Amino acid sequence: MVDLPPGKKAIGCRWVYKIKRKQDGSIDRYKARLLVAVAASKGWFIHQMDVNNAFLHDSLDEDIYMKAPPGYLASDNRKHPSGVFLASLVYVDDIIVIGSCMTAISGVKEFLHNAFTIKDMGAAKFFLGIELFHTVAGVYLNQRKYILDLLQDAFLLCCKPANTPMITGQDLTIETSPLLTEQNQYRRLIGHFLYLAFRRLDITFSVQQLSQYVHAPREIHWKAALHILKYLKGSPSKGLFYARNAELSLQEFCVADWGSCHLTRRAHYSSACGFKAQPADLFTKALAAP
C-alpha cells in the first residue's frame, strides 16, 4: 500500500466472485466441431487447460509474430519431420489442445505453464457449456447441463416434453398477438438457442424462424420459443457423435423450398456438411428475393 501521489486518480475496484462448475453441475472451483471429428476419427488426444488469473498478466510490449496457419500456400512451407499434428483453441482463459502425440501435447502444456501458470485439466470433458464423452468408439458431444439450466431459468424443469420443436401449422406472422413487455428475455433465449443449434441440429430451422422476430417479438413467438424448450426437455442428452476410424471424406447436403415465407414469399435453404454421416455444421437461411 502506498499514498496516492499528487495529481493522480485512483480507479475503483471490487471483488467479483465466479463459480465454475463441472459437467454434472457440481462446483469445480471458485473463481471446434470439425476438428473434433478429425480427432475422433484419428484417435488423437483432446486435452483442456485453464489459465490462472489470465487478466492479471502484463501486456506484451514487443512485436509478436505468428506462423502461417495450415493450408496457407507459401514457397517455403515445411512439414513437421515426424508428421505430428497439433492444434489449439483458445477462448479467453480456456484452452483446448488436440494432437496426435501425447508427448507434443505435454510439451505445449509445460511451455504454457511456465509462461502463464495454467491448470491442467487433463482430457477435455466440459468446455464452454459442451460436454465431451470419450469412448473406444469415438467422441460424443452434447449440452445436457446447458439445456437443463435453460429449463430451470424458465421454470420448465417439470414440464411435459413436446414431441416436435415447432407446433404443426402454427402461424408466427399473426400481428394480433400482443407485443412482449420483456423483449430482451426473448432475445436472450434465442441467443441461447443459436448456440445450442450447433450441437442440436434438429432445432436449427425452428430457431431460424423465431430469430426473424427478435426486433419486435410477440407473445406467440415467446410461446413458440418455450415450445422449443419443452422439446429439448424430452431429449437433453442428444448431441453429435464422431466415430473413430471414420472415413474423412468431406460432404455437403442441401435442400431448398419455394416461397415458404408468409411475409416475403422468399425461399429457404438448408445445408449440412461434415465427414460422411458425421455432421460438423448445419445452417438455414432465407434466399435473396428474385
C-alpha atoms as a PDB file:
ATOM      1  CA  MET A   1       0.000   0.000   0.000  1.00  0.00           C
ATOM      2  CA  VAL A   2       1.282   3.469  -0.916  1.00  0.00           C
ATOM      3  CA  ASP A   3      -0.022   7.008  -0.607  1.00  0.00           C
ATOM      4  CA  LEU A   4      -1.751   8.377  -3.694  1.00  0.00           C
ATOM      5  CA  PRO A   5       0.725  10.724  -5.421  1.00  0.00           C
ATOM      6  CA  PRO A   6      -0.436  14.305  -6.087  1.00  0.00           C
ATOM      7  CA  GLY A   7      -2.269  14.718  -9.389  1.00  0.00           C
ATOM      8  CA  LYS A   8      -3.077  11.010  -9.709  1.00  0.00           C
ATOM      9  CA  LYS A   9      -6.523   9.434  -9.751  1.00  0.00           C
ATOM     10  CA  ALA A  10      -7.350   6.031  -8.357  1.00  0.00           C
ATOM     11  CA  ILE A  11      -9.853   3.851 -10.176  1.00  0.00           C
ATOM     12  CA  GLY A  12     -12.419   1.851  -8.257  1.00  0.00           C
ATOM     13  CA  CYS A  13     -12.427  -1.906  -7.954  1.00  0.00           C
ATOM     14  CA  ARG A  14     -14.447  -4.671  -6.381  1.00  0.00           C
ATOM     15  CA  TRP A  15     -14.318  -8.422  -5.864  1.00  0.00           C
ATOM     16  CA  VAL A  16     -16.161 -10.419  -8.496  1.00  0.00           C
ATOM     17  CA  TYR A  17     -16.940 -13.968  -7.396  1.00  0.00           C
ATOM     18  CA  LYS A  18     -17.294 -16.582 -10.091  1.00  0.00           C
ATOM     19  CA  ILE A  19     -18.319 -20.195  -9.569  1.00  0.00           C
ATOM     20  CA  LYS A  20     -17.036 -22.636 -12.179  1.00  0.00           C
ATOM     21  CA  ARG A  21     -18.994 -25.856 -12.347  1.00  0.00           C
ATOM     22  CA  LYS A  22     -18.288 -29.337 -13.658  1.00  0.00           C
ATOM     23  CA  GLN A  23     -20.412 -31.008 -16.327  1.00  0.00           C
ATOM     24  CA  ASP A  24     -22.659 -32.570 -13.671  1.00  0.00           C
ATOM     25  CA  GLY A  25     -23.412 -29.185 -12.116  1.00  0.00           C
ATOM     26  CA  SER A  26     -21.251 -29.641  -9.009  1.00  0.00           C
ATOM     27  CA  ILE A  27     -18.832 -26.871  -8.083  1.00  0.00           C
ATOM     28  CA  ASP A  28     -15.376 -27.289  -9.568  1.00  0.00           C
ATOM     29  CA  ARG A  29     -13.726 -24.247  -8.011  1.00  0.00           C
ATOM     30  CA  TYR A  30     -14.437 -20.656  -7.219  1.00  0.00           C
ATOM     31  CA  LYS A  31     -13.131 -18.208  -9.435  1.00  0.00           C
ATOM     32  CA  ALA A  32     -14.088 -26.519 -32.819  1.00  0.00           C
ATOM     33  CA  ARG A  33     -16.549 -29.227 -34.054  1.00  0.00           C
ATOM     34  CA  LEU A  34     -14.866 -30.167 -37.362  1.00  0.00           C
ATOM     35  CA  LEU A  35     -11.542 -30.604 -35.640  1.00  0.00           C
ATOM     36  CA  VAL A  36     -13.154 -32.827 -33.014  1.00  0.00           C
ATOM     37  CA  ALA A  37     -14.496 -35.030 -35.798  1.00  0.00           C
ATOM     38  CA  VAL A  38     -10.991 -35.446 -37.209  1.00  0.00           C
ATOM     39  CA  ALA A  39      -9.525 -36.068 -33.760  1.00  0.00           C
ATOM     40  CA  ALA A  40     -12.136 -38.727 -33.013  1.00  0.00           C
ATOM     41  CA  SER A  41     -11.528 -40.473 -36.324  1.00  0.00           C
ATOM     42  CA  LYS A  42      -7.764 -40.483 -35.873  1.00  0.00           C
ATOM     43  CA  GLY A  43      -7.865 -41.399 -32.192  1.00  0.00           C
ATOM     44  CA  TRP A  44      -5.996 -38.225 -31.233  1.00  0.00           C
ATOM     45  CA  PHE A  45      -5.837 -36.759 -27.746  1.00  0.00           C
ATOM     46  CA  ILE A  46      -8.061 -33.827 -26.683  1.00  0.00           C
ATOM     47  CA  HIS A  47      -6.811 -32.053 -23.555  1.00  0.00           C
ATOM     48  CA  GLN A  48      -8.043 -28.965 -21.745  1.00  0.00           C
ATOM     49  CA  MET A  49      -6.300 -26.226 -19.759  1.00  0.00           C
ATOM     50  CA  ASP A  50      -7.277 -23.090 -17.910  1.00  0.00           C
ATOM     51  CA  VAL A  51      -5.043 -20.040 -17.439  1.00  0.00           C
ATOM     52  CA  ASN A  52      -4.901 -18.892 -13.813  1.00  0.00           C
ATOM     53  CA  ASN A  53      -5.674 -15.174 -13.370  1.00  0.00           C
ATOM     54  CA  ALA A  54      -5.443 -14.599 -17.124  1.00  0.00           C
ATOM     55  CA  PHE A  55      -6.412 -10.917 -16.921  1.00  0.00           C
ATOM     56  CA  LEU A  56      -3.611 -10.122 -14.466  1.00  0.00           C
ATOM     57  CA  HIS A  57      -0.799 -10.937 -16.891  1.00  0.00           C
ATOM     58  CA  ASP A  58       1.083  -7.948 -18.258  1.00  0.00           C
ATOM     59  CA  SER A  59       0.576  -6.819 -21.837  1.00  0.00           C
ATOM     60  CA  LEU A  60       3.425  -7.598 -24.212  1.00  0.00           C
ATOM     61  CA  ASP A  61       5.392  -4.596 -25.416  1.00  0.00           C
ATOM     62  CA  GLU A  62       7.332  -6.369 -28.150  1.00  0.00           C
ATOM     63  CA  ASP A  63       6.355  -7.404 -31.662  1.00  0.00           C
ATOM     64  CA  ILE A  64       4.592 -10.750 -31.967  1.00  0.00           C
ATOM     65  CA  TYR A  65       4.949 -12.996 -34.989  1.00  0.00           C
ATOM     66  CA  MET A  66       2.586 -15.829 -35.863  1.00  0.00           C
ATOM     67  CA  LYS A  67       3.389 -18.799 -38.023  1.00  0.00           C
ATOM     68  CA  ALA A  68       1.325 -19.302 -41.157  1.00  0.00           C
ATOM     69  CA  PRO A  69      -1.767 -21.464 -40.499  1.00  0.00           C
ATOM     70  CA  PRO A  70      -2.024 -24.963 -42.007  1.00  0.00           C
ATOM     71  CA  GLY A  71      -3.073 -24.805 -45.648  1.00  0.00           C
ATOM     72  CA  TYR A  72      -1.576 -21.379 -46.318  1.00  0.00           C
ATOM     73  CA  LEU A  73       0.328 -21.510 -49.599  1.00  0.00           C
ATOM     74  CA  ALA A  74       3.887 -20.279 -49.302  1.00  0.00           C
ATOM     75  CA  SER A  75       7.079 -21.124 -51.141  1.00  0.00           C
ATOM     76  CA  ASP A  76       8.969 -22.228 -48.033  1.00  0.00           C
ATOM     77  CA  ASN A  77       6.301 -24.349 -46.346  1.00  0.00           C
ATOM     78  CA  ARG A  78       7.873 -27.186 -44.412  1.00  0.00           C
ATOM     79  CA  LYS A  79       6.059 -30.164 -42.939  1.00  0.00           C
ATOM     80  CA  HIS A  80       6.957 -31.409 -39.487  1.00  0.00           C
ATOM     81  CA  PRO A  81       9.533 -34.202 -40.000  1.00  0.00           C
ATOM     82  CA  SER A  82       7.780 -36.591 -37.612  1.00  0.00           C
ATOM     83  CA  GLY A  83       4.291 -35.909 -39.009  1.00  0.00           C
ATOM     84  CA  VAL A  84       2.937 -34.792 -35.610  1.00  0.00           C
ATOM     85  CA  PHE A  85      -0.370 -32.891 -35.742  1.00  0.00           C
ATOM     86  CA  LEU A  86      -1.042 -30.238 -33.113  1.00  0.00           C
ATOM     87  CA  ALA A  87      -3.840 -27.655 -32.888  1.00  0.00           C
ATOM     88  CA  SER A  88      -5.103 -25.373 -30.128  1.00  0.00           C
ATOM     89  CA  LEU A  89      -8.312 -23.487 -29.408  1.00  0.00           C
ATOM     90  CA  VAL A  90      -8.205 -20.523 -27.016  1.00  0.00           C
ATOM     91  CA  TYR A  91     -11.274 -18.761 -25.618  1.00  0.00           C
ATOM     92  CA  VAL A  92     -10.234 -16.063 -23.118  1.00  0.00           C
ATOM     93  CA  ASP A  93      -8.550 -18.246 -20.464  1.00  0.00           C
ATOM     94  CA  ASP A  94      -9.859 -21.656 -21.513  1.00  0.00           C
ATOM     95  CA  ILE A  95      -7.658 -23.734 -23.813  1.00  0.00           C
ATOM     96  CA  ILE A  96      -8.098 -26.986 -25.707  1.00  0.00           C
ATOM     97  CA  VAL A  97      -5.145 -28.711 -27.354  1.00  0.00           C
ATOM     98  CA  ILE A  98      -5.660 -31.512 -29.875  1.00  0.00           C
ATOM     99  CA  GLY A  99      -2.755 -33.585 -31.072  1.00  0.00           C
ATOM    100  CA  SER A 100      -1.702 -36.924 -32.457  1.00  0.00           C
ATOM    101  CA  CYS A 101       1.185 -37.226 -29.988  1.00  0.00           C
ATOM    102  CA  MET A 102       0.809 -37.033 -26.212  1.00  0.00           C
ATOM    103  CA  THR A 103       4.442 -36.019 -25.848  1.00  0.00           C
ATOM    104  CA  ALA A 104       3.846 -32.953 -28.036  1.00  0.00           C
ATOM    105  CA  ILE A 105       0.752 -32.002 -26.017  1.00  0.00           C
ATOM    106  CA  SER A 106       2.735 -32.317 -22.784  1.00  0.00           C
ATOM    107  CA  GLY A 107       5.367 -30.023 -24.261  1.00  0.00           C
ATOM    108  CA  VAL A 108       2.738 -27.373 -25.029  1.00  0.00           C
ATOM    109  CA  LYS A 109       1.345 -27.658 -21.505  1.00  0.00           C
ATOM    110  CA  GLU A 110       4.788 -27.229 -19.974  1.00  0.00           C
ATOM    111  CA  PHE A 111       5.529 -24.207 -22.159  1.00  0.00           C
ATOM    112  CA  LEU A 112       2.222 -22.511 -21.277  1.00  0.00           C
ATOM    113  CA  HIS A 113       2.569 -23.350 -17.598  1.00  0.00           C
ATOM    114  CA  ASN A 114       5.987 -21.712 -17.449  1.00  0.00           C
ATOM    115  CA  ALA A 115       4.613 -18.606 -19.166  1.00  0.00           C
ATOM    116  CA  PHE A 116       1.201 -18.162 -17.515  1.00  0.00           C
ATOM    117  CA  THR A 117       0.722 -20.774 -14.756  1.00  0.00           C
ATOM    118  CA  ILE A 118      -2.093 -22.945 -16.055  1.00  0.00           C
ATOM    119  CA  LYS A 119      -4.351 -25.545 -14.527  1.00  0.00           C
ATOM    120  CA  ASP A 120      -4.010 -28.863 -16.346  1.00  0.00           C
ATOM    121  CA  MET A 121      -7.499 -30.371 -16.520  1.00  0.00           C
ATOM    122  CA  GLY A 122      -6.477 -33.497 -18.434  1.00  0.00           C
ATOM    123  CA  ALA A 123      -8.683 -34.939 -21.148  1.00  0.00           C
ATOM    124  CA  ALA A 124     -11.346 -32.394 -22.131  1.00  0.00           C
ATOM    125  CA  LYS A 125     -14.715 -33.178 -20.560  1.00  0.00           C
ATOM    126  CA  PHE A 126     -16.537 -29.836 -20.322  1.00  0.00           C
ATOM    127  CA  PHE A 127     -15.728 -26.813 -22.489  1.00  0.00           C
ATOM    128  CA  LEU A 128     -17.872 -23.685 -22.966  1.00  0.00           C
ATOM    129  CA  GLY A 129     -21.053 -25.498 -21.969  1.00  0.00           C
ATOM    130  CA  ILE A 130     -20.266 -28.530 -24.158  1.00  0.00           C
ATOM    131  CA  GLU A 131     -19.827 -31.960 -22.586  1.00  0.00           C
ATOM    132  CA  LEU A 132     -17.329 -34.322 -24.227  1.00  0.00           C
ATOM    133  CA  PHE A 133     -17.531 -38.071 -23.633  1.00  0.00           C
ATOM    134  CA  HIS A 134     -14.565 -40.131 -24.822  1.00  0.00           C
ATOM    135  CA  THR A 135     -15.182 -43.802 -25.607  1.00  0.00           C
ATOM    136  CA  VAL A 136     -13.385 -46.508 -27.529  1.00  0.00           C
ATOM    137  CA  ALA A 137     -15.847 -45.935 -30.388  1.00  0.00           C
ATOM    138  CA  GLY A 138     -15.302 -42.168 -30.625  1.00  0.00           C
ATOM    139  CA  VAL A 139     -16.246 -38.818 -29.070  1.00  0.00           C
ATOM    140  CA  TYR A 140     -19.775 -37.749 -28.147  1.00  0.00           C
ATOM    141  CA  LEU A 141     -20.737 -34.077 -27.703  1.00  0.00           C
ATOM    142  CA  ASN A 142     -23.867 -32.762 -26.026  1.00  0.00           C
ATOM    143  CA  GLN A 143     -25.066 -29.824 -23.952  1.00  0.00           C
ATOM    144  CA  ARG A 144     -27.204 -31.540 -21.350  1.00  0.00           C
ATOM    145  CA  LYS A 145     -26.300 -29.225 -18.475  1.00  0.00           C
ATOM    146  CA  TYR A 146     -26.718 -26.165 -20.703  1.00  0.00           C
ATOM    147  CA  ILE A 147     -30.256 -27.271 -21.620  1.00  0.00           C
ATOM    148  CA  LEU A 148     -31.188 -28.122 -18.038  1.00  0.00           C
ATOM    149  CA  ASP A 149     -30.017 -24.678 -16.913  1.00  0.00           C
ATOM    150  CA  LEU A 150     -32.255 -23.049 -19.540  1.00  0.00           C
ATOM    151  CA  LEU A 151     -35.201 -25.158 -18.405  1.00  0.00           C
ATOM    152  CA  GLN A 152     -34.585 -24.186 -14.804  1.00  0.00           C
ATOM    153  CA  ASP A 153     -34.402 -20.480 -15.655  1.00  0.00           C
ATOM    154  CA  ALA A 154     -37.742 -20.785 -17.487  1.00  0.00           C
ATOM    155  CA  PHE A 155     -39.304 -22.863 -14.653  1.00  0.00           C
ATOM    156  CA  LEU A 156     -39.877 -25.745 -17.079  1.00  0.00           C
ATOM    157  CA  LEU A 157     -37.852 -28.497 -15.427  1.00  0.00           C
ATOM    158  CA  CYS A 158     -41.044 -30.390 -14.591  1.00  0.00           C
ATOM    159  CA  CYS A 159     -42.922 -29.610 -17.809  1.00  0.00           C
ATOM    160  CA  LYS A 160     -44.359 -32.203 -20.168  1.00  0.00           C
ATOM    161  CA  PRO A 161     -41.944 -32.716 -23.093  1.00  0.00           C
ATOM    162  CA  ALA A 162     -43.065 -31.745 -26.592  1.00  0.00           C
ATOM    163  CA  ASN A 163     -42.723 -34.211 -29.459  1.00  0.00           C
ATOM    164  CA  THR A 164     -41.635 -31.677 -32.088  1.00  0.00           C
ATOM    165  CA  PRO A 165     -39.594 -28.447 -31.964  1.00  0.00           C
ATOM    166  CA  MET A 166     -42.472 -26.473 -33.521  1.00  0.00           C
ATOM    167  CA  ILE A 167     -46.242 -26.650 -33.354  1.00  0.00           C
ATOM    168  CA  THR A 168     -47.510 -28.030 -36.652  1.00  0.00           C
ATOM    169  CA  GLY A 169     -49.222 -25.385 -38.768  1.00  0.00           C
ATOM    170  CA  GLN A 170     -48.551 -22.527 -36.343  1.00  0.00           C
ATOM    171  CA  ASP A 171     -48.616 -19.092 -37.985  1.00  0.00           C
ATOM    172  CA  LEU A 172     -45.925 -16.869 -36.479  1.00  0.00           C
ATOM    173  CA  THR A 173     -46.913 -13.853 -38.586  1.00  0.00           C
ATOM    174  CA  ILE A 174     -50.094 -13.095 -36.616  1.00  0.00           C
ATOM    175  CA  GLU A 175     -49.937  -9.389 -35.751  1.00  0.00           C
ATOM    176  CA  THR A 176     -52.911  -9.512 -33.394  1.00  0.00           C
ATOM    177  CA  SER A 177     -50.750 -11.164 -30.757  1.00  0.00           C
ATOM    178  CA  PRO A 178     -49.639  -8.585 -28.142  1.00  0.00           C
ATOM    179  CA  LEU A 179     -46.046  -7.389 -28.112  1.00  0.00           C
ATOM    180  CA  LEU A 180     -43.882  -8.789 -25.334  1.00  0.00           C
ATOM    181  CA  THR A 181     -43.152  -6.466 -22.438  1.00  0.00           C
ATOM    182  CA  GLU A 182     -39.841  -8.238 -21.683  1.00  0.00           C
ATOM    183  CA  GLN A 183     -38.400  -8.379 -25.194  1.00  0.00           C
ATOM    184  CA  ASN A 184     -34.796  -8.784 -24.025  1.00  0.00           C
ATOM    185  CA  GLN A 185     -35.785 -12.045 -22.364  1.00  0.00           C
ATOM    186  CA  TYR A 186     -36.898 -13.384 -25.739  1.00  0.00           C
ATOM    187  CA  ARG A 187     -33.729 -12.186 -27.462  1.00  0.00           C
ATOM    188  CA  ARG A 188     -31.569 -13.763 -24.784  1.00  0.00           C
ATOM    189  CA  LEU A 189     -33.341 -17.118 -25.166  1.00  0.00           C
ATOM    190  CA  ILE A 190     -32.946 -17.021 -28.949  1.00  0.00           C
ATOM    191  CA  GLY A 191     -29.240 -16.340 -28.423  1.00  0.00           C
ATOM    192  CA  HIS A 192     -29.007 -19.472 -26.277  1.00  0.00           C
ATOM    193  CA  PHE A 193     -30.818 -21.443 -28.979  1.00  0.00           C
ATOM    194  CA  LEU A 194     -28.394 -20.223 -31.648  1.00  0.00           C
ATOM    195  CA  TYR A 195     -25.507 -21.560 -29.575  1.00  0.00           C
ATOM    196  CA  LEU A 196     -27.344 -24.827 -28.941  1.00  0.00           C
ATOM    197  CA  ALA A 197     -28.168 -25.340 -32.603  1.00  0.00           C
ATOM    198  CA  PHE A 198     -24.549 -26.187 -33.421  1.00  0.00           C
ATOM    199  CA  ARG A 199     -24.911 -29.404 -31.416  1.00  0.00           C
ATOM    200  CA  ARG A 200     -28.680 -29.804 -31.755  1.00  0.00           C
ATOM    201  CA  LEU A 201     -29.226 -29.726 -35.494  1.00  0.00           C
ATOM    202  CA  ASP A 202     -32.871 -30.744 -35.022  1.00  0.00           C
ATOM    203  CA  ILE A 203     -33.816 -27.258 -33.776  1.00  0.00           C
ATOM    204  CA  THR A 204     -31.927 -25.285 -36.435  1.00  0.00           C
ATOM    205  CA  PHE A 205     -34.930 -24.479 -38.638  1.00  0.00           C
ATOM    206  CA  SER A 206     -37.175 -23.599 -35.692  1.00  0.00           C
ATOM    207  CA  VAL A 207     -34.561 -21.232 -34.289  1.00  0.00           C
ATOM    208  CA  GLN A 208     -34.075 -19.628 -37.702  1.00  0.00           C
ATOM    209  CA  GLN A 209     -37.797 -18.945 -37.897  1.00  0.00           C
ATOM    210  CA  LEU A 210     -38.017 -17.381 -34.437  1.00  0.00           C
ATOM    211  CA  SER A 211     -34.859 -15.315 -34.910  1.00  0.00           C
ATOM    212  CA  GLN A 212     -36.699 -13.281 -37.566  1.00  0.00           C
ATOM    213  CA  TYR A 213     -38.789 -11.642 -34.839  1.00  0.00           C
ATOM    214  CA  VAL A 214     -36.142 -10.550 -32.332  1.00  0.00           C
ATOM    215  CA  HIS A 215     -36.698  -6.891 -33.300  1.00  0.00           C
ATOM    216  CA  ALA A 216     -40.335  -6.953 -32.125  1.00  0.00           C
ATOM    217  CA  PRO A 217     -41.256 -10.280 -30.514  1.00  0.00           C
ATOM    218  CA  ARG A 218     -44.857 -11.012 -29.628  1.00  0.00           C
ATOM    219  CA  GLU A 219     -46.427 -13.398 -27.161  1.00  0.00           C
ATOM    220  CA  ILE A 220     -46.954 -16.005 -29.879  1.00  0.00           C
ATOM    221  CA  HIS A 221     -43.203 -16.005 -30.548  1.00  0.00           C
ATOM    222  CA  TRP A 222     -42.419 -16.364 -26.854  1.00  0.00           C
ATOM    223  CA  LYS A 223     -44.764 -19.338 -26.597  1.00  0.00           C
ATOM    224  CA  ALA A 224     -43.085 -20.895 -29.640  1.00  0.00           C
ATOM    225  CA  ALA A 225     -39.670 -20.397 -28.011  1.00  0.00           C
ATOM    226  CA  LEU A 226     -40.888 -22.088 -24.837  1.00  0.00           C
ATOM    227  CA  HIS A 227     -42.179 -24.927 -27.019  1.00  0.00           C
ATOM    228  CA  ILE A 228     -38.603 -25.496 -28.237  1.00  0.00           C
ATOM    229  CA  LEU A 229     -37.510 -25.714 -24.607  1.00  0.00           C
ATOM    230  CA  LYS A 230     -40.222 -28.285 -23.938  1.00  0.00           C
ATOM    231  CA  TYR A 231     -38.979 -30.257 -26.932  1.00  0.00           C
ATOM    232  CA  LEU A 232     -35.425 -30.163 -25.581  1.00  0.00           C
ATOM    233  CA  LYS A 233     -36.747 -31.332 -22.213  1.00  0.00           C
ATOM    234  CA  GLY A 234     -37.542 -34.678 -23.798  1.00  0.00           C
ATOM    235  CA  SER A 235     -34.004 -35.244 -25.098  1.00  0.00           C
ATOM    236  CA  PRO A 236     -31.451 -33.090 -23.245  1.00  0.00           C
ATOM    237  CA  SER A 237     -28.646 -35.599 -23.812  1.00  0.00           C
ATOM    238  CA  LYS A 238     -28.911 -35.727 -27.593  1.00  0.00           C
ATOM    239  CA  GLY A 239     -25.884 -34.448 -29.461  1.00  0.00           C
ATOM    240  CA  LEU A 240     -23.246 -35.277 -32.034  1.00  0.00           C
ATOM    241  CA  PHE A 241     -21.172 -38.449 -32.194  1.00  0.00           C
ATOM    242  CA  TYR A 242     -17.896 -38.600 -34.066  1.00  0.00           C
ATOM    243  CA  ALA A 243     -16.805 -42.180 -34.671  1.00  0.00           C
ATOM    244  CA  ARG A 244     -13.249 -43.395 -34.526  1.00  0.00           C
ATOM    245  CA  ASN A 245     -11.613 -44.527 -37.775  1.00  0.00           C
ATOM    246  CA  ALA A 246     -14.391 -42.875 -39.795  1.00  0.00           C
ATOM    247  CA  GLU A 247     -13.666 -42.001 -43.407  1.00  0.00           C
ATOM    248  CA  LEU A 248     -12.576 -38.365 -43.643  1.00  0.00           C
ATOM    249  CA  SER A 249     -14.437 -37.594 -46.845  1.00  0.00           C
ATOM    250  CA  LEU A 250     -15.933 -34.109 -46.667  1.00  0.00           C
ATOM    251  CA  GLN A 251     -19.529 -33.993 -47.909  1.00  0.00           C
ATOM    252  CA  GLU A 252     -22.269 -31.383 -48.081  1.00  0.00           C
ATOM    253  CA  PHE A 253     -26.013 -31.834 -48.445  1.00  0.00           C
ATOM    254  CA  CYS A 254     -28.543 -29.132 -49.146  1.00  0.00           C
ATOM    255  CA  VAL A 255     -32.272 -28.697 -49.612  1.00  0.00           C
ATOM    256  CA  ALA A 256     -34.445 -25.711 -50.506  1.00  0.00           C
ATOM    257  CA  ASP A 257     -38.137 -24.886 -50.708  1.00  0.00           C
ATOM    258  CA  TRP A 258     -40.004 -22.296 -52.746  1.00  0.00           C
ATOM    259  CA  GLY A 259     -41.781 -19.263 -51.322  1.00  0.00           C
ATOM    260  CA  SER A 260     -42.450 -20.727 -47.887  1.00  0.00           C
ATOM    261  CA  CYS A 261     -42.173 -17.418 -46.006  1.00  0.00           C
ATOM    262  CA  HIS A 262     -45.628 -15.932 -45.435  1.00  0.00           C
ATOM    263  CA  LEU A 263     -44.190 -12.434 -45.118  1.00  0.00           C
ATOM    264  CA  THR A 264     -41.776 -12.156 -48.048  1.00  0.00           C
ATOM    265  CA  ARG A 265     -42.503 -15.313 -50.082  1.00  0.00           C
ATOM    266  CA  ARG A 266     -38.764 -15.946 -50.045  1.00  0.00           C
ATOM    267  CA  ALA A 267     -37.404 -19.467 -50.294  1.00  0.00           C
ATOM    268  CA  HIS A 268     -35.364 -21.103 -47.549  1.00  0.00           C
ATOM    269  CA  TYR A 269     -32.140 -23.015 -47.962  1.00  0.00           C
ATOM    270  CA  SER A 270     -30.588 -25.523 -45.563  1.00  0.00           C
ATOM    271  CA  SER A 271     -27.125 -27.018 -45.800  1.00  0.00           C
ATOM    272  CA  ALA A 272     -25.289 -29.641 -43.757  1.00  0.00           C
ATOM    273  CA  CYS A 273     -21.628 -30.520 -44.095  1.00  0.00           C
ATOM    274  CA  GLY A 274     -19.309 -32.963 -42.407  1.00  0.00           C
ATOM    275  CA  PHE A 275     -17.488 -36.242 -42.845  1.00  0.00           C
ATOM    276  CA  LYS A 276     -19.798 -38.931 -44.222  1.00  0.00           C
ATOM    277  CA  ALA A 277     -22.623 -39.381 -41.681  1.00  0.00           C
ATOM    278  CA  GLN A 278     -20.895 -37.219 -39.055  1.00  0.00           C
ATOM    279  CA  PRO A 279     -22.272 -33.664 -39.366  1.00  0.00           C
ATOM    280  CA  ALA A 280     -19.996 -30.818 -38.351  1.00  0.00           C
ATOM    281  CA  ASP A 281     -22.147 -27.830 -39.287  1.00  0.00           C
ATOM    282  CA  LEU A 282     -25.667 -27.020 -40.433  1.00  0.00           C
ATOM    283  CA  PHE A 283     -27.363 -23.740 -41.248  1.00  0.00           C
ATOM    284  CA  THR A 284     -30.683 -22.464 -42.541  1.00  0.00           C
ATOM    285  CA  LYS A 285     -31.111 -19.118 -44.284  1.00  0.00           C
ATOM    286  CA  ALA A 286     -33.554 -17.265 -46.472  1.00  0.00           C
ATOM    287  CA  LEU A 287     -32.546 -16.887 -50.109  1.00  0.00           C
ATOM    288  CA  ALA A 288     -32.409 -13.482 -51.718  1.00  0.00           C
ATOM    289  CA  ALA A 289     -35.585 -12.354 -53.423  1.00  0.00           C
ATOM    290  CA  PRO A 290     -35.548 -12.791 -57.219  1.00  0.00           C
END
